[in-house]
């Protein structure tokens, strides 16, 4: 999953290299103020690989997501080796 998602933006080899640091993930769908929020938790091998993933997503993927999903709030953070990606409706 992660490698395939990254390939479209990073290219085959960089996506494969980064995906090798993937150790697992979970999705969570929650509701806040009657709006759905999708949260994707990824566990990477190291804090460095988590930071690299966050940087690449912000640099290459966020612009595309924000263009195709303008009414969504997109966030990505890392803490240690865990990456948290959240996608929710904008409060309008």
PDB file of N, CA and C in Angstrom:
ATOM      1  N   UNK A   1       0.779  -1.194   0.000  1.00  0.00           N
ATOM      2  CA  UNK A   1       0.000   0.000   0.000  1.00  0.00           C
ATOM      3  C   UNK A   1       0.831   1.274   0.000  1.00  0.00           C
ATOM      4  N   UNK A   2       1.752   1.428   0.952  1.00  0.00           N
ATOM      5  CA  UNK A   2       2.529   2.663   1.061  1.00  0.00           C
ATOM      6  C   UNK A   2       3.383   2.873  -0.180  1.00  0.00           C
ATOM      7  N   UNK A   3       4.065   1.830  -0.629  1.00  0.00           N
ATOM      8  CA  UNK A   3       4.932   1.951  -1.811  1.00  0.00           C
ATOM      9  C   UNK A   3       4.127   2.374  -3.031  1.00  0.00           C
ATOM     10  N   UNK A   4       2.974   1.767  -3.240  1.00  0.00           N
ATOM     11  CA  UNK A   4       2.142   2.095  -4.404  1.00  0.00           C
ATOM     12  C   UNK A   4       1.693   3.550  -4.336  1.00  0.00           C
ATOM     13  N   UNK A   5       1.281   4.011  -3.158  1.00  0.00           N
ATOM     14  CA  UNK A   5       0.835   5.398  -2.995  1.00  0.00           C
ATOM     15  C   UNK A   5       1.977   6.361  -3.289  1.00  0.00           C
ATOM     16  N   UNK A   6       3.173   6.049  -2.797  1.00  0.00           N
ATOM     17  CA  UNK A   6       4.323   6.932  -2.984  1.00  0.00           C
ATOM     18  C   UNK A   6       4.841   6.943  -4.419  1.00  0.00           C
ATOM     19  N   UNK A   7       4.734   5.817  -5.128  1.00  0.00           N
ATOM     20  CA  UNK A   7       5.287   5.710  -6.486  1.00  0.00           C
ATOM     21  C   UNK A   7       4.785   6.796  -7.425  1.00  0.00           C
ATOM     22  N   UNK A   8       3.516   7.121  -7.335  1.00  0.00           N
ATOM     23  CA  UNK A   8       2.937   8.121  -8.238  1.00  0.00           C
ATOM     24  C   UNK A   8       3.581   9.493  -8.073  1.00  0.00           C
ATOM     25  N   UNK A   9       4.142   9.751  -6.926  1.00  0.00           N
ATOM     26  CA  UNK A   9       4.697  11.068  -6.635  1.00  0.00           C
ATOM     27  C   UNK A   9       6.226  11.087  -6.583  1.00  0.00           C
ATOM     28  N   UNK A  10       6.836  10.009  -6.113  1.00  0.00           N
ATOM     29  CA  UNK A  10       8.288   9.973  -5.925  1.00  0.00           C
ATOM     30  C   UNK A  10       9.019   9.216  -7.026  1.00  0.00           C
ATOM     31  N   UNK A  11       8.304   8.357  -7.730  1.00  0.00           N
ATOM     32  CA  UNK A  11       8.954   7.466  -8.688  1.00  0.00           C
ATOM     33  C   UNK A  11       9.194   6.109  -8.043  1.00  0.00           C
ATOM     34  N   UNK A  12       9.462   5.116  -8.869  1.00  0.00           N
ATOM     35  CA  UNK A  12       9.550   3.736  -8.398  1.00  0.00           C
ATOM     36  C   UNK A  12      10.648   3.504  -7.366  1.00  0.00           C
ATOM     37  N   UNK A  13      11.875   3.871  -7.680  1.00  0.00           N
ATOM     38  CA  UNK A  13      12.979   3.547  -6.773  1.00  0.00           C
ATOM     39  C   UNK A  13      12.923   4.320  -5.454  1.00  0.00           C
ATOM     40  N   UNK A  14      12.714   5.646  -5.478  1.00  0.00           N
ATOM     41  CA  UNK A  14      12.619   6.358  -4.194  1.00  0.00           C
ATOM     42  C   UNK A  14      11.458   5.852  -3.326  1.00  0.00           C
ATOM     43  N   UNK A  15      10.327   5.527  -3.960  1.00  0.00           N
ATOM     44  CA  UNK A  15       9.186   5.008  -3.202  1.00  0.00           C
ATOM     45  C   UNK A  15       9.521   3.657  -2.586  1.00  0.00           C
ATOM     46  N   UNK A  16      10.169   2.808  -3.356  1.00  0.00           N
ATOM     47  CA  UNK A  16      10.563   1.488  -2.861  1.00  0.00           C
ATOM     48  C   UNK A  16      11.546   1.611  -1.698  1.00  0.00           C
ATOM     49  N   UNK A  17      12.514   2.497  -1.834  1.00  0.00           N
ATOM     50  CA  UNK A  17      13.507   2.695  -0.770  1.00  0.00           C
ATOM     51  C   UNK A  17      12.850   3.152   0.528  1.00  0.00           C
ATOM     52  N   UNK A  18      11.938   4.109   0.432  1.00  0.00           N
ATOM     53  CA  UNK A  18      11.273   4.625   1.631  1.00  0.00           C
ATOM     54  C   UNK A  18      10.317   3.588   2.215  1.00  0.00           C
ATOM     55  N   UNK A  19       9.610   2.873   1.354  1.00  0.00           N
ATOM     56  CA  UNK A  19       8.651   1.870   1.825  1.00  0.00           C
ATOM     57  C   UNK A  19       9.334   0.713   2.560  1.00  0.00           C
ATOM     58  N   UNK A  20      10.604   0.483   2.302  1.00  0.00           N
ATOM     59  CA  UNK A  20      11.332  -0.581   3.012  1.00  0.00           C
ATOM     60  C   UNK A  20      11.406  -0.304   4.511  1.00  0.00           C
ATOM     61  N   UNK A  21      11.248   0.951   4.904  1.00  0.00           N
ATOM     62  CA  UNK A  21      11.283   1.318   6.324  1.00  0.00           C
ATOM     63  C   UNK A  21       9.930   1.160   7.003  1.00  0.00           C
ATOM     64  N   UNK A  22       8.906   0.840   6.228  1.00  0.00           N
ATOM     65  CA  UNK A  22       7.557   0.666   6.767  1.00  0.00           C
ATOM     66  C   UNK A  22       7.500  -0.576   7.642  1.00  0.00           C
ATOM     67  N   UNK A  23       6.904  -0.457   8.816  1.00  0.00           N
ATOM     68  CA  UNK A  23       6.791  -1.592   9.729  1.00  0.00           C
ATOM     69  C   UNK A  23       5.342  -1.989  10.013  1.00  0.00           C
ATOM     70  N   UNK A  24       4.406  -1.161   9.611  1.00  0.00           N
ATOM     71  CA  UNK A  24       2.996  -1.481   9.824  1.00  0.00           C
ATOM     72  C   UNK A  24       2.164  -0.217   9.817  1.00  0.00           C
ATOM     73  N   UNK A  25       0.853  -0.391   9.712  1.00  0.00           N
ATOM     74  CA  UNK A  25      -0.035   0.767   9.734  1.00  0.00           C
ATOM     75  C   UNK A  25      -1.432   0.343  10.163  1.00  0.00           C
ATOM     76  N   UNK A  26      -2.208   1.332  10.532  1.00  0.00           N
ATOM     77  CA  UNK A  26      -3.607   1.161  10.908  1.00  0.00           C
ATOM     78  C   UNK A  26      -4.372   2.397  10.462  1.00  0.00           C
ATOM     79  N   UNK A  27      -5.614   2.163  10.067  1.00  0.00           N
ATOM     80  CA  UNK A  27      -6.520   3.259   9.748  1.00  0.00           C
ATOM     81  C   UNK A  27      -7.521   3.391  10.878  1.00  0.00           C
ATOM     82  N   UNK A  28      -7.974   4.613  11.086  1.00  0.00           N
ATOM     83  CA  UNK A  28      -9.028   4.854  12.058  1.00  0.00           C
ATOM     84  C   UNK A  28      -9.964   5.886  11.451  1.00  0.00           C
ATOM     85  N   UNK A  29     -11.242   5.614  11.483  1.00  0.00           N
ATOM     86  CA  UNK A  29     -12.244   6.559  11.014  1.00  0.00           C
ATOM     87  C   UNK A  29     -13.029   7.009  12.237  1.00  0.00           C
ATOM     88  N   UNK A  30     -12.954   8.308  12.530  1.00  0.00           N
ATOM     89  CA  UNK A  30     -13.669   8.847  13.680  1.00  0.00           C
ATOM     90  C   UNK A  30     -14.607   9.947  13.210  1.00  0.00           C
ATOM     91  N   UNK A  31     -15.501  10.324  14.076  1.00  0.00           N
ATOM     92  CA  UNK A  31     -16.426  11.403  13.759  1.00  0.00           C
ATOM     93  C   UNK A  31     -16.251  12.507  14.794  1.00  0.00           C
ATOM     94  N   UNK A  32     -16.130  13.725  14.301  1.00  0.00           N
ATOM     95  CA  UNK A  32     -15.999  14.884  15.175  1.00  0.00           C
ATOM     96  C   UNK A  32     -16.921  15.965  14.634  1.00  0.00           C
ATOM     97  N   UNK A  33     -17.816  16.463  15.467  1.00  0.00           N
ATOM     98  CA  UNK A  33     -18.805  17.456  15.037  1.00  0.00           C
ATOM     99  C   UNK A  33     -19.565  16.972  13.810  1.00  0.00           C
ATOM    100  N   UNK A  34     -19.936  15.691  13.834  1.00  0.00           N
ATOM    101  CA  UNK A  34     -20.700  15.049  12.764  1.00  0.00           C
ATOM    102  C   UNK A  34     -19.970  15.028  11.423  1.00  0.00           C
ATOM    103  N   UNK A  35     -18.635  15.125  11.460  1.00  0.00           N
ATOM    104  CA  UNK A  35     -17.832  15.069  10.237  1.00  0.00           C
ATOM    105  C   UNK A  35     -16.824  13.932  10.361  1.00  0.00           C
ATOM    106  N   UNK A  36     -16.658  13.153   9.277  1.00  0.00           N
ATOM    107  CA  UNK A  36     -15.712  12.038   9.339  1.00  0.00           C
ATOM    108  C   UNK A  36     -14.264  12.507   9.223  1.00  0.00           C
ATOM    109  N   UNK A  37     -13.404  11.884   9.989  1.00  0.00           N
ATOM    110  CA  UNK A  37     -11.968  12.150   9.928  1.00  0.00           C
ATOM    111  C   UNK A  37     -11.267  10.805   9.740  1.00  0.00           C
ATOM    112  N   UNK A  38     -10.473  10.713   8.684  1.00  0.00           N
ATOM    113  CA  UNK A  38      -9.687   9.516   8.437  1.00  0.00           C
ATOM    114  C   UNK A  38      -8.287   9.743   8.991  1.00  0.00           C
ATOM    115  N   UNK A  39      -7.847   8.846   9.844  1.00  0.00           N
ATOM    116  CA  UNK A  39      -6.502   8.934  10.409  1.00  0.00           C
ATOM    117  C   UNK A  39      -5.750   7.667  10.014  1.00  0.00           C
ATOM    118  N   UNK A  40      -4.550   7.862   9.501  1.00  0.00           N
ATOM    119  CA  UNK A  40      -3.698   6.741   9.089  1.00  0.00           C
ATOM    120  C   UNK A  40      -2.437   6.809   9.928  1.00  0.00           C
ATOM    121  N   UNK A  41      -2.226   5.795  10.750  1.00  0.00           N
ATOM    122  CA  UNK A  41      -1.032   5.693  11.582  1.00  0.00           C
ATOM    123  C   UNK A  41      -0.050   4.747  10.890  1.00  0.00           C
ATOM    124  N   UNK A  42       1.173   5.199  10.691  1.00  0.00           N
ATOM    125  CA  UNK A  42       2.210   4.365  10.085  1.00  0.00           C
ATOM    126  C   UNK A  42       3.372   4.242  11.054  1.00  0.00           C
ATOM    127  N   UNK A  43       3.880   3.058  11.187  1.00  0.00           N
ATOM    128  CA  UNK A  43       5.060   2.828  12.013  1.00  0.00           C
ATOM    129  C   UNK A  43       6.228   2.590  11.068  1.00  0.00           C
ATOM    130  N   UNK A  44       7.258   3.418  11.202  1.00  0.00           N
ATOM    131  CA  UNK A  44       8.444   3.302  10.366  1.00  0.00           C
ATOM    132  C   UNK A  44       9.578   2.694  11.199  1.00  0.00           C
ATOM    133  N   UNK A  45      10.640   2.270  10.538  1.00  0.00           N
ATOM    134  CA  UNK A  45      11.749   1.601  11.223  1.00  0.00           C
ATOM    135  C   UNK A  45      12.487   2.525  12.181  1.00  0.00           C
ATOM    136  N   UNK A  46      12.613   3.794  11.807  1.00  0.00           N
ATOM    137  CA  UNK A  46      13.376   4.747  12.614  1.00  0.00           C
ATOM    138  C   UNK A  46      12.695   6.109  12.606  1.00  0.00           C
ATOM    139  N   UNK A  47      13.079   6.950  13.540  1.00  0.00           N
ATOM    140  CA  UNK A  47      12.582   8.327  13.546  1.00  0.00           C
ATOM    141  C   UNK A  47      13.018   9.052  12.275  1.00  0.00           C
ATOM    142  N   UNK A  48      14.219   8.773  11.805  1.00  0.00           N
ATOM    143  CA  UNK A  48      14.729   9.408  10.580  1.00  0.00           C
ATOM    144  C   UNK A  48      13.866   9.041   9.374  1.00  0.00           C
ATOM    145  N   UNK A  49      13.492   7.773   9.245  1.00  0.00           N
ATOM    146  CA  UNK A  49      12.649   7.384   8.109  1.00  0.00           C
ATOM    147  C   UNK A  49      11.255   7.997   8.231  1.00  0.00           C
ATOM    148  N   UNK A  50      10.753   8.157   9.451  1.00  0.00           N
ATOM    149  CA  UNK A  50       9.463   8.823   9.652  1.00  0.00           C
ATOM    150  C   UNK A  50       9.555  10.292   9.238  1.00  0.00           C
ATOM    151  N   UNK A  51      10.624  10.958   9.625  1.00  0.00           N
ATOM    152  CA  UNK A  51      10.828  12.364   9.245  1.00  0.00           C
ATOM    153  C   UNK A  51      10.957  12.508   7.731  1.00  0.00           C
ATOM    154  N   UNK A  52      11.645  11.572   7.087  1.00  0.00           N
ATOM    155  CA  UNK A  52      11.797  11.609   5.631  1.00  0.00           C
ATOM    156  C   UNK A  52      10.447  11.432   4.953  1.00  0.00           C
ATOM    157  N   UNK A  53       9.646  10.493   5.441  1.00  0.00           N
ATOM    158  CA  UNK A  53       8.312  10.286   4.872  1.00  0.00           C
ATOM    159  C   UNK A  53       7.476  11.552   4.993  1.00  0.00           C
ATOM    160  N   UNK A  54       7.458  12.156   6.158  1.00  0.00           N
ATOM    161  CA  UNK A  54       6.692  13.391   6.366  1.00  0.00           C
ATOM    162  C   UNK A  54       7.168  14.486   5.415  1.00  0.00           C
ATOM    163  N   UNK A  55       8.459  14.655   5.287  1.00  0.00           N
ATOM    164  CA  UNK A  55       9.009  15.698   4.409  1.00  0.00           C
ATOM    165  C   UNK A  55       8.628  15.460   2.954  1.00  0.00           C
ATOM    166  N   UNK A  56       8.710  14.219   2.499  1.00  0.00           N
ATOM    167  CA  UNK A  56       8.377  13.911   1.104  1.00  0.00           C
ATOM    168  C   UNK A  56       6.888  14.081   0.838  1.00  0.00           C
ATOM    169  N   UNK A  57       6.057  13.676   1.780  1.00  0.00           N
ATOM    170  CA  UNK A  57       4.612  13.856   1.615  1.00  0.00           C
ATOM    171  C   UNK A  57       4.274  15.344   1.554  1.00  0.00           C
ATOM    172  N   UNK A  58       4.848  16.128   2.436  1.00  0.00           N
ATOM    173  CA  UNK A  58       4.584  17.577   2.420  1.00  0.00           C
ATOM    174  C   UNK A  58       5.076  18.219   1.125  1.00  0.00           C
ATOM    175  N   UNK A  59       6.230  17.794   0.652  1.00  0.00           N
ATOM    176  CA  UNK A  59       6.840  18.403  -0.533  1.00  0.00           C
ATOM    177  C   UNK A  59       6.147  17.988  -1.828  1.00  0.00           C
ATOM    178  N   UNK A  60       5.821  16.723  -1.971  1.00  0.00           N
ATOM    179  CA  UNK A  60       5.348  16.225  -3.259  1.00  0.00           C
ATOM    180  C   UNK A  60       3.877  15.825  -3.304  1.00  0.00           C
ATOM    181  N   UNK A  61       3.335  15.374  -2.206  1.00  0.00           N
ATOM    182  CA  UNK A  61       1.975  14.843  -2.242  1.00  0.00           C
ATOM    183  C   UNK A  61       0.940  15.864  -1.792  1.00  0.00           C
ATOM    184  N   UNK A  62       1.239  16.650  -0.765  1.00  0.00           N
ATOM    185  CA  UNK A  62       0.279  17.642  -0.293  1.00  0.00           C
ATOM    186  C   UNK A  62      -0.213  18.580  -1.385  1.00  0.00           C
ATOM    187  N   UNK A  63       0.659  19.121  -2.235  1.00  0.00           N
ATOM    188  CA  UNK A  63       0.149  20.022  -3.278  1.00  0.00           C
ATOM    189  C   UNK A  63      -0.910  19.360  -4.161  1.00  0.00           C
ATOM    190  N   UNK A  64      -0.712  18.107  -4.502  1.00  0.00           N
ATOM    191  CA  UNK A  64      -1.679  17.389  -5.330  1.00  0.00           C
ATOM    192  C   UNK A  64      -2.985  17.140  -4.578  1.00  0.00           C
ATOM    193  N   UNK A  65      -2.874  16.714  -3.321  1.00  0.00           N
ATOM    194  CA  UNK A  65      -4.077  16.462  -2.529  1.00  0.00           C
ATOM    195  C   UNK A  65      -4.865  17.752  -2.341  1.00  0.00           C
ATOM    196  N   UNK A  66      -4.172  18.829  -2.038  1.00  0.00           N
ATOM    197  CA  UNK A  66      -4.860  20.101  -1.809  1.00  0.00           C
ATOM    198  C   UNK A  66      -5.528  20.610  -3.083  1.00  0.00           C
ATOM    199  N   UNK A  67      -4.960  20.267  -4.238  1.00  0.00           N
ATOM    200  CA  UNK A  67      -5.555  20.667  -5.513  1.00  0.00           C
ATOM    201  C   UNK A  67      -6.790  19.823  -5.829  1.00  0.00           C
ATOM    202  N   UNK A  68      -6.719  18.529  -5.580  1.00  0.00           N
ATOM    203  CA  UNK A  68      -7.830  17.640  -5.916  1.00  0.00           C
ATOM    204  C   UNK A  68      -8.884  17.561  -4.817  1.00  0.00           C
ATOM    205  N   UNK A  69      -8.536  17.946  -3.599  1.00  0.00           N
ATOM    206  CA  UNK A  69      -9.472  17.907  -2.475  1.00  0.00           C
ATOM    207  C   UNK A  69      -9.444  19.243  -1.735  1.00  0.00           C
ATOM    208  N   UNK A  70      -9.836  20.334  -2.404  1.00  0.00           N
ATOM    209  CA  UNK A  70      -9.681  21.663  -1.803  1.00  0.00           C
ATOM    210  C   UNK A  70     -10.507  21.890  -0.540  1.00  0.00           C
ATOM    211  N   UNK A  71     -11.534  21.102  -0.312  1.00  0.00           N
ATOM    212  CA  UNK A  71     -12.369  21.314   0.866  1.00  0.00           C
ATOM    213  C   UNK A  71     -12.024  20.339   1.987  1.00  0.00           C
ATOM    214  N   UNK A  72     -10.756  19.881   1.994  1.00  0.00           N
ATOM    215  CA  UNK A  72     -10.286  18.949   3.005  1.00  0.00           C
ATOM    216  C   UNK A  72      -9.124  19.557   3.785  1.00  0.00           C
ATOM    217  N   UNK A  73      -9.038  19.211   5.038  1.00  0.00           N
ATOM    218  CA  UNK A  73      -7.899  19.593   5.876  1.00  0.00           C
ATOM    219  C   UNK A  73      -6.971  18.376   5.941  1.00  0.00           C
ATOM    220  N   UNK A  74      -5.744  18.550   5.502  1.00  0.00           N
ATOM    221  CA  UNK A  74      -4.773  17.467   5.441  1.00  0.00           C
ATOM    222  C   UNK A  74      -3.615  17.796   6.386  1.00  0.00           C
ATOM    223  N   UNK A  75      -3.259  16.850   7.240  1.00  0.00           N
ATOM    224  CA  UNK A  75      -2.151  17.056   8.174  1.00  0.00           C
ATOM    225  C   UNK A  75      -1.290  15.801   8.220  1.00  0.00           C
ATOM    226  N   UNK A  76      -0.001  15.979   8.413  1.00  0.00           N
ATOM    227  CA  UNK A  76       0.899  14.847   8.632  1.00  0.00           C
ATOM    228  C   UNK A  76       1.953  15.268   9.649  1.00  0.00           C
ATOM    229  N   UNK A  77       2.191  14.398  10.612  1.00  0.00           N
ATOM    230  CA  UNK A  77       3.186  14.663  11.648  1.00  0.00           C
ATOM    231  C   UNK A  77       3.925  13.364  11.966  1.00  0.00           C
ATOM    232  N   UNK A  78       5.053  13.524  12.629  1.00  0.00           N
ATOM    233  CA  UNK A  78       5.745  12.334  13.125  1.00  0.00           C
ATOM    234  C   UNK A  78       6.165  12.577  14.564  1.00  0.00           C
ATOM    235  N   UNK A  79       6.190  11.499  15.307  1.00  0.00           N
ATOM    236  CA  UNK A  79       6.699  11.518  16.675  1.00  0.00           C
ATOM    237  C   UNK A  79       7.480  10.224  16.838  1.00  0.00           C
ATOM    238  N   UNK A  80       8.785  10.359  16.917  1.00  0.00           N
ATOM    239  CA  UNK A  80       9.620   9.166  16.918  1.00  0.00           C
ATOM    240  C   UNK A  80       9.465   8.455  15.584  1.00  0.00           C
ATOM    241  N   UNK A  81       9.199   7.178  15.617  1.00  0.00           N
ATOM    242  CA  UNK A  81       9.061   6.409  14.380  1.00  0.00           C
ATOM    243  C   UNK A  81       7.620   6.312  13.892  1.00  0.00           C
ATOM    244  N   UNK A  82       6.689   6.972  14.585  1.00  0.00           N
ATOM    245  CA  UNK A  82       5.279   6.924  14.185  1.00  0.00           C
ATOM    246  C   UNK A  82       4.908   8.156  13.365  1.00  0.00           C
ATOM    247  N   UNK A  83       4.214   7.919  12.256  1.00  0.00           N
ATOM    248  CA  UNK A  83       3.698   8.984  11.395  1.00  0.00           C
ATOM    249  C   UNK A  83       2.178   8.968  11.509  1.00  0.00           C
ATOM    250  N   UNK A  84       1.584  10.147  11.640  1.00  0.00           N
ATOM    251  CA  UNK A  84       0.132  10.269  11.686  1.00  0.00           C
ATOM    252  C   UNK A  84      -0.316  11.174  10.551  1.00  0.00           C
ATOM    253  N   UNK A  85      -1.198  10.651   9.711  1.00  0.00           N
ATOM    254  CA  UNK A  85      -1.735  11.361   8.557  1.00  0.00           C
ATOM    255  C   UNK A  85      -3.235  11.495   8.786  1.00  0.00           C
ATOM    256  N   UNK A  86      -3.765  12.720   8.739  1.00  0.00           N
ATOM    257  CA  UNK A  86      -5.191  12.947   8.967  1.00  0.00           C
ATOM    258  C   UNK A  86      -5.799  13.698   7.792  1.00  0.00           C
ATOM    259  N   UNK A  87      -7.011  13.299   7.420  1.00  0.00           N
ATOM    260  CA  UNK A  87      -7.738  13.897   6.312  1.00  0.00           C
ATOM    261  C   UNK A  87      -9.167  14.121   6.789  1.00  0.00           C
ATOM    262  N   UNK A  88      -9.586  15.389   6.848  1.00  0.00           N
ATOM    263  CA  UNK A  88     -10.911  15.711   7.362  1.00  0.00           C
ATOM    264  C   UNK A  88     -11.513  16.876   6.582  1.00  0.00           C
ATOM    265  N   UNK A  89     -12.838  17.048   6.656  1.00  0.00           N
ATOM    266  CA  UNK A  89     -13.462  18.193   5.998  1.00  0.00           C
ATOM    267  C   UNK A  89     -13.026  19.496   6.661  1.00  0.00           C
ATOM    268  N   UNK A  90     -12.942  20.553   5.860  1.00  0.00           N
ATOM    269  CA  UNK A  90     -12.678  21.876   6.422  1.00  0.00           C
ATOM    270  C   UNK A  90     -13.890  22.332   7.209  1.00  0.00           C
ATOM    271  N   UNK A  91     -13.671  23.058   8.273  1.00  0.00           N
ATOM    272  CA  UNK A  91     -14.781  23.659   9.012  1.00  0.00           C
ATOM    273  C   UNK A  91     -15.226  24.896   8.268  1.00  0.00           C
ATOM    274  N   UNK A  92     -16.406  24.830   7.728  1.00  0.00           N
ATOM    275  CA  UNK A  92     -16.918  25.977   6.952  1.00  0.00           C
ATOM    276  C   UNK A  92     -18.174  26.518   7.570  1.00  0.00           C
TER     277      UNK A  92
END
